[in-house]
């Protein structure tokens, strides 16, 4: 009686190309998700166009100035007189950054006055929000 040959079992291979594709897809997904989580606590204004680096602060304080000279701190309406008193508790340390989100049609004098009042409240680092071209 003739004996059959034992079957040659091939060892499984881990294909690296599909693994790279899946890892790249996951990386791109998480990068886009983390970028969309960046939330400035400001109102919608018509920002001037320009080029700037991305914001790296975790929870910035936002000073918003609209085209009709209204002033907001993190969506809370304030006046020039109450700006310093409202802003002072929000500035936790001297390294806290203040994002100035001013409408491109906002009067320049109001923007400068608001920034000067913010400086008296303790703000030392100002970041100007712009719309990327």
N, C-alpha and C. Protein backbone atom coordinates (compact mmCIF):
# COMPACT_ATOMS: atom_id res chain seq x y z
N UNK A 1 0.83 -1.16 0.00
CA UNK A 1 0.00 0.00 0.00
C UNK A 1 0.89 1.23 0.00
N UNK A 2 0.50 2.11 -0.81
CA UNK A 2 1.29 3.33 -0.97
C UNK A 2 0.81 4.37 0.04
N UNK A 3 1.77 4.91 0.72
CA UNK A 3 1.43 5.93 1.71
C UNK A 3 1.42 7.31 1.08
N UNK A 4 0.39 8.09 1.44
CA UNK A 4 0.34 9.44 0.86
C UNK A 4 1.35 10.35 1.53
N UNK A 5 1.80 11.27 0.74
CA UNK A 5 2.75 12.25 1.25
C UNK A 5 2.06 13.16 2.26
N UNK A 6 2.76 13.44 3.30
CA UNK A 6 2.17 14.38 4.25
C UNK A 6 2.07 15.75 3.62
N UNK A 7 1.05 16.41 3.98
CA UNK A 7 0.80 17.72 3.40
C UNK A 7 1.82 18.74 3.89
N UNK A 8 2.31 19.54 2.97
CA UNK A 8 3.23 20.61 3.36
C UNK A 8 2.42 21.80 3.83
N UNK A 9 2.59 22.11 5.07
CA UNK A 9 1.89 23.27 5.61
C UNK A 9 2.78 24.49 5.46
N UNK A 10 2.19 25.49 4.89
CA UNK A 10 2.94 26.74 4.77
C UNK A 10 2.69 27.58 6.01
N UNK A 11 3.70 28.23 6.44
CA UNK A 11 3.55 29.13 7.58
C UNK A 11 2.86 30.40 7.11
N UNK A 12 2.03 30.96 7.98
CA UNK A 12 1.35 32.20 7.65
C UNK A 12 2.32 33.36 7.64
N UNK A 13 2.06 34.31 6.78
CA UNK A 13 2.91 35.49 6.69
C UNK A 13 2.09 36.71 7.11
N UNK A 14 2.74 37.61 7.74
CA UNK A 14 2.10 38.88 8.07
C UNK A 14 2.47 39.85 6.97
N UNK A 15 1.47 40.25 6.24
CA UNK A 15 1.71 41.21 5.17
C UNK A 15 1.80 42.61 5.77
N UNK A 16 2.85 43.32 5.47
CA UNK A 16 3.11 44.62 6.07
C UNK A 16 2.40 45.76 5.35
N UNK A 17 2.15 45.63 4.05
CA UNK A 17 1.56 46.72 3.27
C UNK A 17 0.15 47.07 3.77
N UNK A 18 -0.76 46.09 3.96
CA UNK A 18 -2.08 46.46 4.49
C UNK A 18 -2.00 47.03 5.90
N UNK A 19 -1.04 46.55 6.68
CA UNK A 19 -0.87 47.08 8.03
C UNK A 19 -0.47 48.55 7.98
N UNK A 20 0.41 48.91 7.07
CA UNK A 20 0.83 50.30 6.92
C UNK A 20 -0.36 51.16 6.49
N UNK A 21 -1.17 50.65 5.57
CA UNK A 21 -2.35 51.39 5.11
C UNK A 21 -3.31 51.66 6.26
N UNK A 22 -3.56 50.67 7.06
CA UNK A 22 -4.49 50.83 8.18
C UNK A 22 -3.92 51.82 9.20
N UNK A 23 -2.64 51.72 9.51
CA UNK A 23 -2.04 52.63 10.48
C UNK A 23 -2.03 54.07 9.96
N UNK A 24 -1.78 54.26 8.67
CA UNK A 24 -1.82 55.60 8.11
C UNK A 24 -3.24 56.17 8.17
N UNK A 25 -4.23 55.35 7.87
CA UNK A 25 -5.62 55.80 7.95
C UNK A 25 -5.98 56.21 9.37
N UNK A 26 -5.58 55.41 10.36
CA UNK A 26 -5.86 55.75 11.75
C UNK A 26 -5.14 57.04 12.17
N UNK A 27 -3.91 57.19 11.75
CA UNK A 27 -3.16 58.40 12.08
C UNK A 27 -3.83 59.63 11.49
N UNK A 28 -4.20 59.56 10.22
CA UNK A 28 -4.86 60.71 9.58
C UNK A 28 -6.20 61.00 10.24
N UNK A 29 -6.95 59.99 10.60
CA UNK A 29 -8.25 60.19 11.25
C UNK A 29 -8.08 60.88 12.59
N UNK A 30 -7.15 60.42 13.41
CA UNK A 30 -6.96 61.03 14.72
C UNK A 30 -6.39 62.43 14.63
N UNK A 31 -5.55 62.69 13.63
CA UNK A 31 -5.03 64.06 13.46
C UNK A 31 -6.16 65.01 13.08
N UNK A 32 -7.00 64.62 12.15
CA UNK A 32 -8.12 65.48 11.75
C UNK A 32 -9.11 65.66 12.88
N UNK A 33 -9.34 64.61 13.65
CA UNK A 33 -10.27 64.72 14.78
C UNK A 33 -9.72 65.66 15.84
N UNK A 34 -8.42 65.59 16.11
CA UNK A 34 -7.85 66.47 17.12
C UNK A 34 -7.84 67.93 16.65
N UNK A 35 -7.65 68.15 15.35
CA UNK A 35 -7.69 69.53 14.85
C UNK A 35 -9.10 70.10 14.93
N UNK A 36 -10.10 69.28 14.72
CA UNK A 36 -11.47 69.79 14.79
C UNK A 36 -11.90 70.03 16.22
N UNK A 37 -11.19 69.47 17.19
CA UNK A 37 -11.54 69.69 18.60
C UNK A 37 -11.06 71.05 19.10
N UNK A 38 -10.15 71.68 18.37
CA UNK A 38 -9.66 72.99 18.77
C UNK A 38 -10.81 73.97 18.74
N UNK A 39 -11.19 74.47 19.89
CA UNK A 39 -12.37 75.32 19.99
C UNK A 39 -12.01 76.62 20.68
N UNK A 40 -12.06 77.69 19.94
CA UNK A 40 -11.88 78.99 20.56
C UNK A 40 -13.22 79.42 21.12
N UNK A 41 -13.19 79.97 22.30
CA UNK A 41 -14.41 80.38 22.95
C UNK A 41 -14.73 81.80 22.51
N UNK A 42 -15.05 81.97 21.23
CA UNK A 42 -15.31 83.30 20.70
C UNK A 42 -16.53 83.27 19.80
N UNK A 43 -16.96 84.43 19.44
CA UNK A 43 -18.10 84.58 18.55
C UNK A 43 -17.61 84.60 17.11
N UNK A 44 -18.54 84.41 16.18
CA UNK A 44 -18.19 84.42 14.77
C UNK A 44 -18.00 85.87 14.31
N UNK A 45 -16.80 86.20 13.88
CA UNK A 45 -16.50 87.52 13.34
C UNK A 45 -15.76 87.35 12.03
N UNK A 46 -15.74 88.39 11.24
CA UNK A 46 -15.05 88.38 9.95
C UNK A 46 -13.58 88.72 10.21
N UNK A 47 -12.74 87.69 10.32
CA UNK A 47 -11.34 87.89 10.66
C UNK A 47 -10.56 88.40 9.45
N UNK A 48 -9.53 89.18 9.69
CA UNK A 48 -8.66 89.57 8.58
C UNK A 48 -7.84 88.37 8.11
N UNK A 49 -7.43 88.41 6.85
CA UNK A 49 -6.65 87.30 6.31
C UNK A 49 -5.18 87.49 6.63
N UNK A 50 -4.49 86.40 6.82
CA UNK A 50 -3.06 86.45 7.12
C UNK A 50 -2.53 85.06 7.35
N UNK A 51 -1.25 84.99 7.64
CA UNK A 51 -0.63 83.70 7.93
C UNK A 51 -0.10 83.74 9.35
N UNK A 52 -0.41 82.70 10.10
CA UNK A 52 0.03 82.61 11.48
C UNK A 52 0.19 81.15 11.85
N UNK A 53 0.93 80.92 12.92
CA UNK A 53 1.11 79.56 13.40
C UNK A 53 -0.17 79.11 14.10
N UNK A 54 -0.35 77.81 14.18
CA UNK A 54 -1.50 77.25 14.88
C UNK A 54 -1.37 77.50 16.37
N UNK A 55 -2.51 77.64 17.01
CA UNK A 55 -2.56 77.90 18.44
C UNK A 55 -2.18 76.66 19.20
N UNK A 56 -1.30 76.80 20.19
CA UNK A 56 -0.86 75.64 20.96
C UNK A 56 -1.33 75.69 22.40
N UNK A 57 -1.98 76.75 22.82
CA UNK A 57 -2.45 76.84 24.19
C UNK A 57 -3.64 75.91 24.40
N UNK A 58 -3.77 75.36 25.60
CA UNK A 58 -4.85 74.41 25.89
C UNK A 58 -6.20 75.14 26.00
N UNK A 59 -6.31 76.07 26.89
CA UNK A 59 -7.57 76.80 27.07
C UNK A 59 -7.29 78.30 27.05
N UNK A 60 -7.23 78.89 25.88
CA UNK A 60 -6.93 80.31 25.81
C UNK A 60 -8.13 81.16 26.20
N UNK A 61 -7.85 82.35 26.66
CA UNK A 61 -8.89 83.33 26.92
C UNK A 61 -9.04 84.14 25.64
N UNK A 62 -10.28 84.33 25.19
CA UNK A 62 -10.52 85.00 23.92
C UNK A 62 -11.19 86.35 24.15
N UNK A 63 -10.61 87.38 23.56
CA UNK A 63 -11.17 88.73 23.56
C UNK A 63 -11.70 88.97 22.16
N UNK A 64 -13.03 89.07 22.02
CA UNK A 64 -13.67 89.22 20.72
C UNK A 64 -14.20 90.63 20.58
N UNK A 65 -13.92 91.26 19.43
CA UNK A 65 -14.41 92.60 19.13
C UNK A 65 -15.17 92.53 17.81
N UNK A 66 -16.43 92.96 17.82
CA UNK A 66 -17.26 92.89 16.62
C UNK A 66 -17.16 94.19 15.83
N UNK A 67 -17.76 94.19 14.65
CA UNK A 67 -17.67 95.38 13.80
C UNK A 67 -18.51 96.54 14.34
N UNK A 68 -19.46 96.27 15.25
CA UNK A 68 -20.24 97.35 15.85
C UNK A 68 -19.74 97.70 17.25
N UNK A 69 -18.45 97.46 17.50
CA UNK A 69 -17.72 97.86 18.72
C UNK A 69 -18.20 97.16 19.98
N UNK A 70 -18.80 95.99 19.85
CA UNK A 70 -19.14 95.22 21.04
C UNK A 70 -17.93 94.39 21.44
N UNK A 71 -17.75 94.22 22.76
CA UNK A 71 -16.59 93.51 23.29
C UNK A 71 -17.09 92.30 24.08
N UNK A 72 -16.45 91.16 23.84
CA UNK A 72 -16.80 89.93 24.54
C UNK A 72 -15.53 89.27 25.06
N UNK A 73 -15.63 88.69 26.26
CA UNK A 73 -14.57 87.85 26.79
C UNK A 73 -15.16 86.46 26.95
N UNK A 74 -14.68 85.52 26.13
CA UNK A 74 -15.21 84.15 26.12
C UNK A 74 -16.74 84.15 26.03
N UNK A 75 -17.30 84.87 25.09
CA UNK A 75 -18.74 84.97 24.82
C UNK A 75 -19.52 85.72 25.90
N UNK A 76 -18.82 86.36 26.84
CA UNK A 76 -19.48 87.17 27.86
C UNK A 76 -19.36 88.63 27.46
N UNK A 77 -20.48 89.34 27.27
CA UNK A 77 -20.37 90.74 26.87
C UNK A 77 -19.83 91.61 28.01
N UNK A 78 -18.91 92.51 27.66
CA UNK A 78 -18.33 93.44 28.61
C UNK A 78 -18.22 94.80 27.94
N UNK A 79 -17.93 95.82 28.74
CA UNK A 79 -17.65 97.16 28.21
C UNK A 79 -16.16 97.44 28.45
N UNK A 80 -15.70 98.55 27.90
CA UNK A 80 -14.29 98.92 28.12
C UNK A 80 -14.01 99.13 29.60
N UNK A 81 -14.99 99.67 30.32
CA UNK A 81 -14.79 99.95 31.74
C UNK A 81 -14.72 98.68 32.58
N UNK A 82 -15.51 97.65 32.22
CA UNK A 82 -15.54 96.42 33.01
C UNK A 82 -14.61 95.33 32.47
N UNK A 83 -13.92 95.61 31.39
CA UNK A 83 -13.07 94.60 30.76
C UNK A 83 -11.96 94.12 31.68
N UNK A 84 -11.25 95.02 32.32
CA UNK A 84 -10.13 94.64 33.18
C UNK A 84 -10.60 93.82 34.36
N UNK A 85 -11.72 94.22 34.98
CA UNK A 85 -12.22 93.49 36.15
C UNK A 85 -12.71 92.09 35.78
N UNK A 86 -13.29 91.95 34.60
CA UNK A 86 -13.79 90.65 34.16
C UNK A 86 -12.63 89.75 33.72
N UNK A 87 -11.61 90.32 33.13
CA UNK A 87 -10.50 89.55 32.58
C UNK A 87 -9.51 89.09 33.64
N UNK A 88 -9.33 89.86 34.70
CA UNK A 88 -8.30 89.57 35.70
C UNK A 88 -8.43 88.16 36.30
N UNK A 89 -9.64 87.69 36.72
CA UNK A 89 -9.71 86.33 37.27
C UNK A 89 -9.45 85.22 36.24
N UNK A 90 -9.65 85.51 34.96
CA UNK A 90 -9.44 84.50 33.93
C UNK A 90 -7.97 84.29 33.59
N UNK A 91 -7.15 85.29 33.86
CA UNK A 91 -5.71 85.18 33.60
C UNK A 91 -5.05 84.53 34.81
N UNK A 92 -4.83 83.22 34.72
CA UNK A 92 -4.34 82.45 35.87
C UNK A 92 -2.90 82.76 36.22
N UNK A 93 -2.07 82.95 35.22
CA UNK A 93 -0.66 83.25 35.47
C UNK A 93 -0.17 84.24 34.41
N UNK A 94 1.06 84.66 34.57
CA UNK A 94 1.60 85.66 33.64
C UNK A 94 1.87 85.09 32.26
N UNK A 95 1.92 83.76 32.12
CA UNK A 95 2.16 83.12 30.82
C UNK A 95 0.87 82.83 30.06
N UNK A 96 -0.28 83.14 30.65
CA UNK A 96 -1.57 82.90 29.97
C UNK A 96 -1.67 83.79 28.74
N UNK A 97 -2.04 83.19 27.62
CA UNK A 97 -2.14 83.94 26.36
C UNK A 97 -3.57 84.42 26.16
N UNK A 98 -3.71 85.60 25.57
CA UNK A 98 -5.01 86.19 25.28
C UNK A 98 -5.16 86.26 23.76
N UNK A 99 -6.17 85.58 23.24
CA UNK A 99 -6.42 85.56 21.80
C UNK A 99 -7.34 86.74 21.48
N UNK A 100 -6.87 87.65 20.63
CA UNK A 100 -7.66 88.80 20.21
C UNK A 100 -8.29 88.44 18.87
N UNK A 101 -9.61 88.29 18.88
CA UNK A 101 -10.37 87.93 17.68
C UNK A 101 -11.20 89.15 17.28
N UNK A 102 -10.60 90.02 16.51
CA UNK A 102 -11.25 91.28 16.13
C UNK A 102 -11.76 91.19 14.70
N UNK A 103 -12.97 91.67 14.49
CA UNK A 103 -13.54 91.73 13.14
C UNK A 103 -12.69 92.67 12.29
N UNK A 104 -12.55 92.36 11.01
CA UNK A 104 -11.72 93.21 10.15
C UNK A 104 -12.33 94.59 9.96
N UNK A 105 -13.64 94.73 10.21
CA UNK A 105 -14.30 96.03 10.10
C UNK A 105 -14.44 96.73 11.45
N UNK A 106 -13.88 96.16 12.51
CA UNK A 106 -13.96 96.78 13.83
C UNK A 106 -13.09 98.03 13.85
N UNK A 107 -13.55 99.08 14.53
CA UNK A 107 -12.73 100.30 14.61
C UNK A 107 -11.41 100.01 15.31
N UNK A 108 -10.34 100.51 14.71
CA UNK A 108 -9.01 100.25 15.24
C UNK A 108 -8.83 100.81 16.64
N UNK A 109 -9.45 101.94 16.92
CA UNK A 109 -9.33 102.55 18.24
C UNK A 109 -9.89 101.67 19.33
N UNK A 110 -11.02 101.02 19.07
CA UNK A 110 -11.63 100.14 20.08
C UNK A 110 -10.74 98.92 20.32
N UNK A 111 -10.15 98.40 19.26
CA UNK A 111 -9.27 97.24 19.40
C UNK A 111 -8.06 97.60 20.26
N UNK A 112 -7.46 98.74 19.99
CA UNK A 112 -6.28 99.17 20.76
C UNK A 112 -6.66 99.45 22.20
N UNK A 113 -7.79 100.13 22.42
CA UNK A 113 -8.23 100.42 23.79
C UNK A 113 -8.50 99.12 24.57
N UNK A 114 -9.12 98.15 23.92
CA UNK A 114 -9.41 96.87 24.59
C UNK A 114 -8.11 96.14 24.93
N UNK A 115 -7.14 96.18 24.04
CA UNK A 115 -5.86 95.53 24.32
C UNK A 115 -5.12 96.23 25.46
N UNK A 116 -5.21 97.56 25.51
CA UNK A 116 -4.57 98.30 26.61
C UNK A 116 -5.24 97.98 27.94
N UNK A 117 -6.56 97.88 27.94
CA UNK A 117 -7.28 97.51 29.18
C UNK A 117 -6.94 96.08 29.59
N UNK A 118 -6.77 95.21 28.62
CA UNK A 118 -6.39 93.82 28.93
C UNK A 118 -4.98 93.78 29.52
N UNK A 119 -4.12 94.65 29.04
CA UNK A 119 -2.76 94.71 29.59
C UNK A 119 -2.80 95.16 31.05
N UNK A 120 -3.68 96.11 31.39
CA UNK A 120 -3.79 96.54 32.80
C UNK A 120 -4.35 95.42 33.67
N UNK A 121 -5.10 94.49 33.06
CA UNK A 121 -5.64 93.35 33.82
C UNK A 121 -4.58 92.27 34.04
N UNK A 122 -3.44 92.37 33.36
CA UNK A 122 -2.36 91.41 33.56
C UNK A 122 -2.01 90.60 32.33
N UNK A 123 -2.66 90.83 31.21
CA UNK A 123 -2.33 90.08 29.99
C UNK A 123 -1.01 90.59 29.44
N UNK A 124 -0.08 89.67 29.19
CA UNK A 124 1.21 90.05 28.64
C UNK A 124 1.45 89.50 27.25
N UNK A 125 0.79 88.39 26.94
CA UNK A 125 0.98 87.74 25.64
C UNK A 125 -0.32 87.77 24.85
N UNK A 126 -0.30 88.45 23.72
CA UNK A 126 -1.47 88.57 22.87
C UNK A 126 -1.25 87.75 21.60
N UNK A 127 -2.27 87.01 21.19
CA UNK A 127 -2.28 86.28 19.93
C UNK A 127 -3.41 86.87 19.08
N UNK A 128 -3.12 87.23 17.85
CA UNK A 128 -4.11 87.82 16.98
C UNK A 128 -4.68 86.71 16.09
N UNK A 129 -5.99 86.51 16.13
CA UNK A 129 -6.65 85.50 15.31
C UNK A 129 -6.82 86.02 13.90
N UNK A 130 -6.43 85.20 12.90
CA UNK A 130 -6.56 85.56 11.49
C UNK A 130 -7.19 84.39 10.75
N UNK A 131 -7.75 84.70 9.57
CA UNK A 131 -8.30 83.67 8.71
C UNK A 131 -7.23 83.30 7.70
N UNK A 132 -6.94 82.01 7.59
CA UNK A 132 -5.90 81.56 6.65
C UNK A 132 -6.37 81.78 5.22
N UNK A 133 -5.44 82.17 4.37
CA UNK A 133 -5.77 82.47 2.98
C UNK A 133 -6.01 81.22 2.19
